[in-house]
């Protein structure tokens, strides 16, 4: 049914219990940077969040005011809808166990309100391995529910490999796709974009935009450093005109790379926990990527500055508390700082 190799399946639980810091640590960039100085007069801010799910949350999260302020500052927030939005799960037992994802409209609306994301400024990718967890009917219900809520979506096969969205004065192309599926290929085909090879896109697919942004669901889970194959795909996307890449699926924070003029954030972690409620602490570190893009004539679509904003998802009864790293205290702050310095090669420094 799924397309995961056996070695991947066997490594899932050990890596969930202890996220890996092994891998190639060379060639990564700092977690923040100013690329154009002096900054242009007009910019558009994009904020990318990780996977959104109700698996580890029965209620809406509590949110640090600093995180709400950051999200409110964005002209567009882009995330991954890891749970189908359905009124009643069809995969009842799997949903109870957490292997099949689901969330209802009430949870999603309450969660967005709690973190300060305005629905009209939100775009959710449906290109992920869990989107068909509640079957084809659940997928159709998800598409209809998000449309009813006024939330734009990307990553459906019907819209083609690159979708056009207006963000302020800019026209941005979004290429959302998943390399992984939990259901049969025939169910994903024609519904969910798996067009991750830009060489297979139509010749003009990435043309006519101020900026092309890829939102891939890729790599292996619970590994802080991306695999060589993932980095090779990032280079391929960059070579086909993609200027910004913000990835999901690893469920842990991964580093940043600059490939010529292309900015790559390999993994942002979960925005709302997608695994079991009792998750080891390294997997609770997440991040928001804020990217300022020039809207000035002559520099339209160029990345001005970027910053990874790490935060922690702490357990609070039946839901999570989203806490900025700066607000952590004591031993937890020390552990998180040490892990972030390991991920970013010592280049991370919290305030």
Protein backbone atom coordinates (compact mmCIF):
# COMPACT_ATOMS: atom_id res chain seq x y z
CA UNK A 1 0.00 0.00 0.00
CA UNK A 2 2.58 2.60 1.07
CA UNK A 3 5.83 3.31 -0.79
CA UNK A 4 8.24 3.27 2.19
CA UNK A 5 11.32 1.03 1.94
CA UNK A 6 11.63 -1.67 4.60
CA UNK A 7 14.68 -0.03 6.22
CA UNK A 8 12.64 3.13 6.69
CA UNK A 9 9.79 1.24 8.37
CA UNK A 10 12.15 -0.61 10.71
CA UNK A 11 13.88 2.60 11.77
CA UNK A 12 10.70 4.59 12.52
CA UNK A 13 10.23 3.70 16.20
CA UNK A 14 13.93 3.91 17.22
CA UNK A 15 14.24 7.30 15.55
CA UNK A 16 10.96 8.52 17.08
CA UNK A 17 12.28 7.63 20.54
CA UNK A 18 15.67 9.18 19.80
CA UNK A 19 15.81 11.60 16.84
CA UNK A 20 19.10 11.22 15.00
CA UNK A 21 21.86 13.83 14.73
CA UNK A 22 23.92 11.69 12.35
CA UNK A 23 24.46 12.65 8.73
CA UNK A 24 26.43 15.00 6.52
CA UNK A 25 26.81 18.29 8.42
CA UNK A 26 28.71 20.16 5.70
CA UNK A 27 27.54 23.07 3.59
CA UNK A 28 24.66 24.41 5.64
CA UNK A 29 23.86 28.07 6.20
CA UNK A 30 23.14 30.07 9.36
CA UNK A 31 19.52 29.91 10.62
CA UNK A 32 19.10 33.62 9.86
CA UNK A 33 20.50 36.00 7.29
CA UNK A 34 20.16 39.37 5.59
CA UNK A 35 20.69 38.88 1.85
CA UNK A 36 19.99 42.37 0.52
CA UNK A 37 21.38 45.51 2.18
CA UNK A 38 20.10 48.11 2.46
CA UNK A 39 16.65 46.50 2.50
CA UNK A 40 14.15 47.53 -0.18
CA UNK A 41 11.33 49.95 0.55
CA UNK A 42 8.57 47.35 0.08
CA UNK A 43 8.61 43.75 1.21
CA UNK A 44 6.18 40.85 1.56
CA UNK A 45 6.58 38.48 4.50
CA UNK A 46 5.98 34.76 4.15
CA UNK A 47 5.79 32.57 7.26
CA UNK A 48 6.12 28.81 6.91
CA UNK A 49 4.95 26.48 9.67
CA UNK A 50 5.32 22.71 9.88
CA UNK A 51 2.83 19.87 9.99
CA UNK A 52 -0.59 20.58 11.52
CA UNK A 53 -2.43 17.70 13.16
CA UNK A 54 -4.84 16.88 15.96
CA UNK A 55 -3.18 13.57 16.90
CA UNK A 56 -1.47 15.01 19.99
CA UNK A 57 -4.12 17.66 20.70
CA UNK A 58 -7.70 17.16 21.83
CA UNK A 59 -8.06 20.90 22.37
CA UNK A 60 -6.65 24.06 20.82
CA UNK A 61 -3.08 24.91 21.84
CA UNK A 62 -1.96 27.63 24.21
CA UNK A 63 0.30 29.99 22.32
CA UNK A 64 3.15 32.26 23.37
CA UNK A 65 2.30 35.92 22.50
CA UNK A 66 5.65 36.20 20.69
CA UNK A 67 4.65 33.37 18.33
CA UNK A 68 1.24 34.95 17.70
CA UNK A 69 2.88 38.28 16.93
CA UNK A 70 5.29 36.65 14.47
CA UNK A 71 2.48 34.89 12.61
CA UNK A 72 0.36 38.04 12.61
CA UNK A 73 3.22 39.93 10.96
CA UNK A 74 3.09 37.69 7.87
CA UNK A 75 1.26 38.54 4.67
CA UNK A 76 0.87 34.81 4.04
CA UNK A 77 1.24 31.76 6.30
CA UNK A 78 1.95 28.41 4.62
CA UNK A 79 1.58 25.08 6.43
CA UNK A 80 0.98 21.40 5.86
CA UNK A 81 -2.47 19.96 6.63
CA UNK A 82 -1.29 16.61 7.99
CA UNK A 83 -4.75 15.50 9.18
CA UNK A 84 -7.82 15.14 6.96
CA UNK A 85 -10.61 17.50 8.04
CA UNK A 86 -13.63 15.26 8.58
CA UNK A 87 -16.66 15.28 10.85
CA UNK A 88 -16.46 11.55 11.64
CA UNK A 89 -13.39 9.38 10.98
CA UNK A 90 -14.02 6.33 8.79
CA UNK A 91 -10.84 4.58 9.97
CA UNK A 92 -12.07 4.45 13.56
CA UNK A 93 -9.52 2.10 15.15
CA UNK A 94 -6.52 3.56 13.31
CA UNK A 95 -7.60 7.06 14.30
CA UNK A 96 -7.82 6.05 17.96
CA UNK A 97 -4.35 4.50 17.80
CA UNK A 98 -2.89 7.55 16.05
CA UNK A 99 -1.80 5.71 12.89
CA UNK A 100 -4.58 7.42 10.92
CA UNK A 101 -4.98 11.16 11.24
CA UNK A 102 -8.16 13.22 11.47
CA UNK A 103 -9.34 16.58 12.79
CA UNK A 104 -12.70 18.27 12.60
CA UNK A 105 -13.51 21.82 11.54
CA UNK A 106 -14.09 22.98 15.10
CA UNK A 107 -10.60 21.94 16.16
CA UNK A 108 -8.95 23.58 13.16
CA UNK A 109 -10.86 26.85 13.58
CA UNK A 110 -10.09 26.96 17.32
CA UNK A 111 -6.42 26.13 16.76
CA UNK A 112 -5.98 28.85 14.15
CA UNK A 113 -7.66 31.39 16.39
CA UNK A 114 -5.43 30.36 19.31
CA UNK A 115 -2.23 30.95 17.35
CA UNK A 116 -3.45 34.11 15.62
CA UNK A 117 -3.50 32.89 12.02
CA UNK A 118 -6.19 34.63 9.98
CA UNK A 119 -7.83 32.14 7.62
CA UNK A 120 -7.69 34.54 4.66
CA UNK A 121 -3.90 34.69 5.06
CA UNK A 122 -3.45 30.92 5.31
CA UNK A 123 -2.50 28.39 2.64
CA UNK A 124 -2.44 24.68 3.50
CA UNK A 125 -0.71 21.98 1.50
CA UNK A 126 -2.64 18.74 1.02
CA UNK A 127 0.37 16.99 -0.50
CA UNK A 128 1.34 14.63 2.30
CA UNK A 129 1.26 10.95 3.18
CA UNK A 130 -1.69 11.18 5.61
CA UNK A 131 -4.17 13.11 3.46
CA UNK A 132 -6.00 9.92 2.45
CA UNK A 133 -6.03 8.39 5.95
CA UNK A 134 -9.84 8.65 5.97
CA UNK A 135 -10.22 7.36 2.43
CA UNK A 136 -11.20 9.07 -0.79
CA UNK A 137 -14.41 10.37 0.79
CA UNK A 138 -12.33 11.89 3.60
CA UNK A 139 -10.08 13.61 1.06
CA UNK A 140 -13.09 15.08 -0.74
CA UNK A 141 -14.56 16.19 2.59
CA UNK A 142 -11.25 17.87 3.51
CA UNK A 143 -11.12 19.84 0.25
CA UNK A 144 -14.72 20.96 0.72
CA UNK A 145 -14.25 21.87 4.39
CA UNK A 146 -11.19 24.03 3.75
CA UNK A 147 -12.94 25.79 0.88
CA UNK A 148 -15.94 26.44 3.13
CA UNK A 149 -13.62 27.90 5.79
CA UNK A 150 -11.98 30.23 3.26
CA UNK A 151 -8.59 28.51 3.51
CA UNK A 152 -6.68 28.20 0.25
CA UNK A 153 -5.02 24.89 -0.59
CA UNK A 154 -2.07 23.75 -2.67
CA UNK A 155 -0.76 20.32 -3.58
CA UNK A 156 -3.75 18.74 -5.30
CA UNK A 157 -3.02 17.04 -8.62
CA UNK A 158 -5.85 18.81 -10.42
CA UNK A 159 -4.13 22.19 -10.09
CA UNK A 160 -0.90 21.13 -11.78
CA UNK A 161 2.66 21.13 -10.41
CA UNK A 162 2.89 24.90 -9.77
CA UNK A 163 -0.04 26.99 -8.52
CA UNK A 164 -0.32 30.77 -8.84
CA UNK A 165 -1.17 32.88 -5.79
CA UNK A 166 -1.18 36.65 -5.36
CA UNK A 167 0.52 37.81 -2.17
CA UNK A 168 0.28 41.58 -1.91
CA UNK A 169 1.85 42.99 -5.08
CA UNK A 170 3.74 39.75 -5.82
CA UNK A 171 2.76 36.71 -7.86
CA UNK A 172 4.18 33.57 -6.28
CA UNK A 173 4.12 30.06 -7.69
CA UNK A 174 3.76 27.23 -5.16
CA UNK A 175 4.93 23.72 -6.02
CA UNK A 176 3.63 21.44 -3.26
CA UNK A 177 4.22 17.70 -3.56
CA UNK A 178 4.76 14.58 -1.49
CA UNK A 179 7.28 11.83 -2.07
CA UNK A 180 5.46 9.56 0.39
CA UNK A 181 2.01 8.02 0.51
CA UNK A 182 0.28 5.81 3.08
CA UNK A 183 -2.35 4.53 0.66
CA UNK A 184 -2.38 2.78 -2.68
CA UNK A 185 -0.94 4.69 -5.63
CA UNK A 186 -4.25 4.53 -7.49
CA UNK A 187 -5.94 6.49 -4.70
CA UNK A 188 -3.27 9.22 -4.70
CA UNK A 189 -3.20 9.45 -8.50
CA UNK A 190 -5.28 12.34 -9.79
CA UNK A 191 -5.86 13.69 -6.26
CA UNK A 192 -2.53 14.47 -4.58
CA UNK A 193 0.51 15.95 -6.27
CA UNK A 194 3.53 13.65 -6.28
CA UNK A 195 5.27 15.64 -9.01
CA UNK A 196 8.55 16.13 -7.18
CA UNK A 197 10.78 15.91 -10.26
CA UNK A 198 10.90 19.38 -11.88
CA UNK A 199 12.29 17.84 -15.05
CA UNK A 200 8.82 16.27 -15.53
CA UNK A 201 6.96 19.56 -15.16
CA UNK A 202 5.57 21.22 -18.28
CA UNK A 203 8.22 23.53 -19.80
CA UNK A 204 6.52 26.77 -18.72
CA UNK A 205 5.28 25.54 -15.32
CA UNK A 206 7.75 27.62 -13.29
CA UNK A 207 7.67 30.71 -15.56
CA UNK A 208 5.89 34.02 -15.10
CA UNK A 209 6.22 34.32 -11.31
CA UNK A 210 8.06 36.80 -9.14
CA UNK A 211 9.13 33.85 -6.97
CA UNK A 212 8.63 30.09 -7.15
CA UNK A 213 8.35 28.32 -3.80
CA UNK A 214 8.44 24.54 -3.33
CA UNK A 215 6.64 22.97 -0.37
CA UNK A 216 7.83 19.34 -0.41
CA UNK A 217 6.82 16.51 1.89
CA UNK A 218 10.12 14.63 1.72
CA UNK A 219 13.06 13.08 3.55
CA UNK A 220 12.97 10.47 6.36
CA UNK A 221 11.30 11.09 9.69
CA UNK A 222 13.03 12.02 12.97
CA UNK A 223 16.43 12.75 11.43
CA UNK A 224 17.85 16.22 11.96
CA UNK A 225 20.07 16.13 8.88
CA UNK A 226 18.54 15.59 5.43
CA UNK A 227 19.59 12.58 3.39
CA UNK A 228 21.86 12.98 0.35
CA UNK A 229 18.91 12.22 -1.93
CA UNK A 230 16.90 15.05 -0.40
CA UNK A 231 19.73 17.55 -0.85
CA UNK A 232 20.15 16.41 -4.47
CA UNK A 233 16.46 17.04 -5.13
CA UNK A 234 16.82 20.52 -3.59
CA UNK A 235 19.64 21.26 -6.04
CA UNK A 236 17.50 19.99 -8.90
CA UNK A 237 14.58 22.23 -7.88
CA UNK A 238 16.94 25.21 -7.59
CA UNK A 239 18.26 24.47 -11.07
CA UNK A 240 14.72 24.67 -12.44
CA UNK A 241 14.02 28.15 -11.07
CA UNK A 242 12.69 27.42 -7.58
CA UNK A 243 13.93 30.22 -5.31
CA UNK A 244 12.57 29.09 -1.94
CA UNK A 245 12.00 25.62 -0.47
CA UNK A 246 10.27 24.91 2.86
CA UNK A 247 10.00 21.21 3.64
CA UNK A 248 7.94 18.96 5.90
CA UNK A 249 7.63 15.31 6.97
CA UNK A 250 10.79 14.85 9.10
CA UNK A 251 8.81 16.04 12.20
CA UNK A 252 12.03 17.53 13.60
CA UNK A 253 13.90 20.74 12.85
CA UNK A 254 16.46 20.45 10.07
CA UNK A 255 19.09 22.96 8.92
CA UNK A 256 19.06 25.63 6.23
CA UNK A 257 21.05 25.62 3.01
CA UNK A 258 21.68 28.22 0.34
CA UNK A 259 22.08 26.86 -3.18
CA UNK A 260 23.20 29.82 -5.26
CA UNK A 261 20.22 32.22 -4.88
CA UNK A 262 17.84 29.54 -3.57
CA UNK A 263 17.03 29.27 0.13
CA UNK A 264 16.23 25.79 1.45
CA UNK A 265 14.74 25.03 4.88
CA UNK A 266 14.74 21.24 4.85
CA UNK A 267 12.38 20.64 7.77
CA UNK A 268 10.41 22.84 10.17
CA UNK A 269 9.19 20.13 12.54
CA UNK A 270 5.55 19.91 13.61
CA UNK A 271 3.48 23.01 14.21
CA UNK A 272 0.94 20.91 16.13
CA UNK A 273 2.04 17.44 17.19
CA UNK A 274 1.45 14.72 14.61
CA UNK A 275 2.85 11.78 16.58
CA UNK A 276 1.87 10.30 19.93
CA UNK A 277 0.92 12.65 22.75
CA UNK A 278 3.83 11.39 24.90
CA UNK A 279 6.68 12.35 22.61
CA UNK A 280 10.37 12.58 23.64
CA UNK A 281 11.54 16.17 23.97
CA UNK A 282 13.83 16.49 20.91
CA UNK A 283 10.83 15.83 18.67
CA UNK A 284 8.96 18.68 20.35
CA UNK A 285 11.34 21.32 18.99
CA UNK A 286 9.75 23.05 16.01
CA UNK A 287 10.35 26.17 13.97
CA UNK A 288 8.68 28.90 11.96
CA UNK A 289 10.54 30.17 8.90
CA UNK A 290 9.97 33.88 8.23
CA UNK A 291 11.09 35.13 4.81
CA UNK A 292 10.94 38.74 3.65
CA UNK A 293 10.67 39.10 -0.13
CA UNK A 294 11.29 42.30 -2.08
CA UNK A 295 8.35 43.96 -3.85
CA UNK A 296 10.44 46.83 -5.27
CA UNK A 297 10.79 47.25 -9.01
CA UNK A 298 14.03 45.71 -10.21
CA UNK A 299 14.19 43.37 -7.20
CA UNK A 300 10.72 41.82 -7.23
CA UNK A 301 10.72 38.32 -5.79
CA UNK A 302 14.25 38.42 -4.39
CA UNK A 303 14.70 37.16 -0.83
CA UNK A 304 15.72 40.05 1.40
CA UNK A 305 16.10 38.27 4.74
CA UNK A 306 15.14 35.04 6.46
CA UNK A 307 15.07 33.67 9.98
CA UNK A 308 14.22 30.38 11.61
CA UNK A 309 12.25 30.99 14.81
CA UNK A 310 12.44 27.83 16.96
CA UNK A 311 9.85 27.06 19.59
CA UNK A 312 8.89 24.18 21.87
CA UNK A 313 5.62 22.24 22.00
CA UNK A 314 5.16 21.47 25.69
CA UNK A 315 2.49 19.08 26.95
CA UNK A 316 -0.40 20.69 28.87
CA UNK A 317 -3.05 18.10 29.70
CA UNK A 318 -4.95 17.25 26.54
CA UNK A 319 -3.21 19.82 24.36
CA UNK A 320 0.12 21.53 23.69
CA UNK A 321 1.66 24.85 24.74
CA UNK A 322 3.66 26.57 22.02
CA UNK A 323 6.53 28.35 23.77
CA UNK A 324 9.31 30.34 22.14
CA UNK A 325 12.81 29.14 23.01
CA UNK A 326 13.54 32.49 24.65
CA UNK A 327 10.73 31.86 27.14
CA UNK A 328 12.01 28.43 28.22
CA UNK A 329 13.78 28.13 31.55
CA UNK A 330 16.18 25.89 33.43
CA UNK A 331 17.27 22.49 32.21
CA UNK A 332 14.85 22.40 29.28
CA UNK A 333 16.24 25.67 27.92
CA UNK A 334 19.78 24.28 28.18
CA UNK A 335 18.86 21.05 26.39
CA UNK A 336 17.00 22.84 23.59
CA UNK A 337 19.82 25.35 23.07
CA UNK A 338 22.34 22.51 22.85
CA UNK A 339 20.21 20.61 20.32
CA UNK A 340 19.72 23.70 18.15
CA UNK A 341 23.44 24.42 18.18
CA UNK A 342 24.07 20.84 17.08
CA UNK A 343 21.51 21.10 14.25
CA UNK A 344 22.80 24.45 12.98
CA UNK A 345 26.48 23.69 13.44
CA UNK A 346 26.94 26.01 16.40
CA UNK A 347 25.52 28.95 14.45
CA UNK A 348 22.35 29.19 16.48
CA UNK A 349 22.28 31.67 19.36
CA UNK A 350 19.09 32.25 21.32
CA UNK A 351 18.40 35.63 22.90
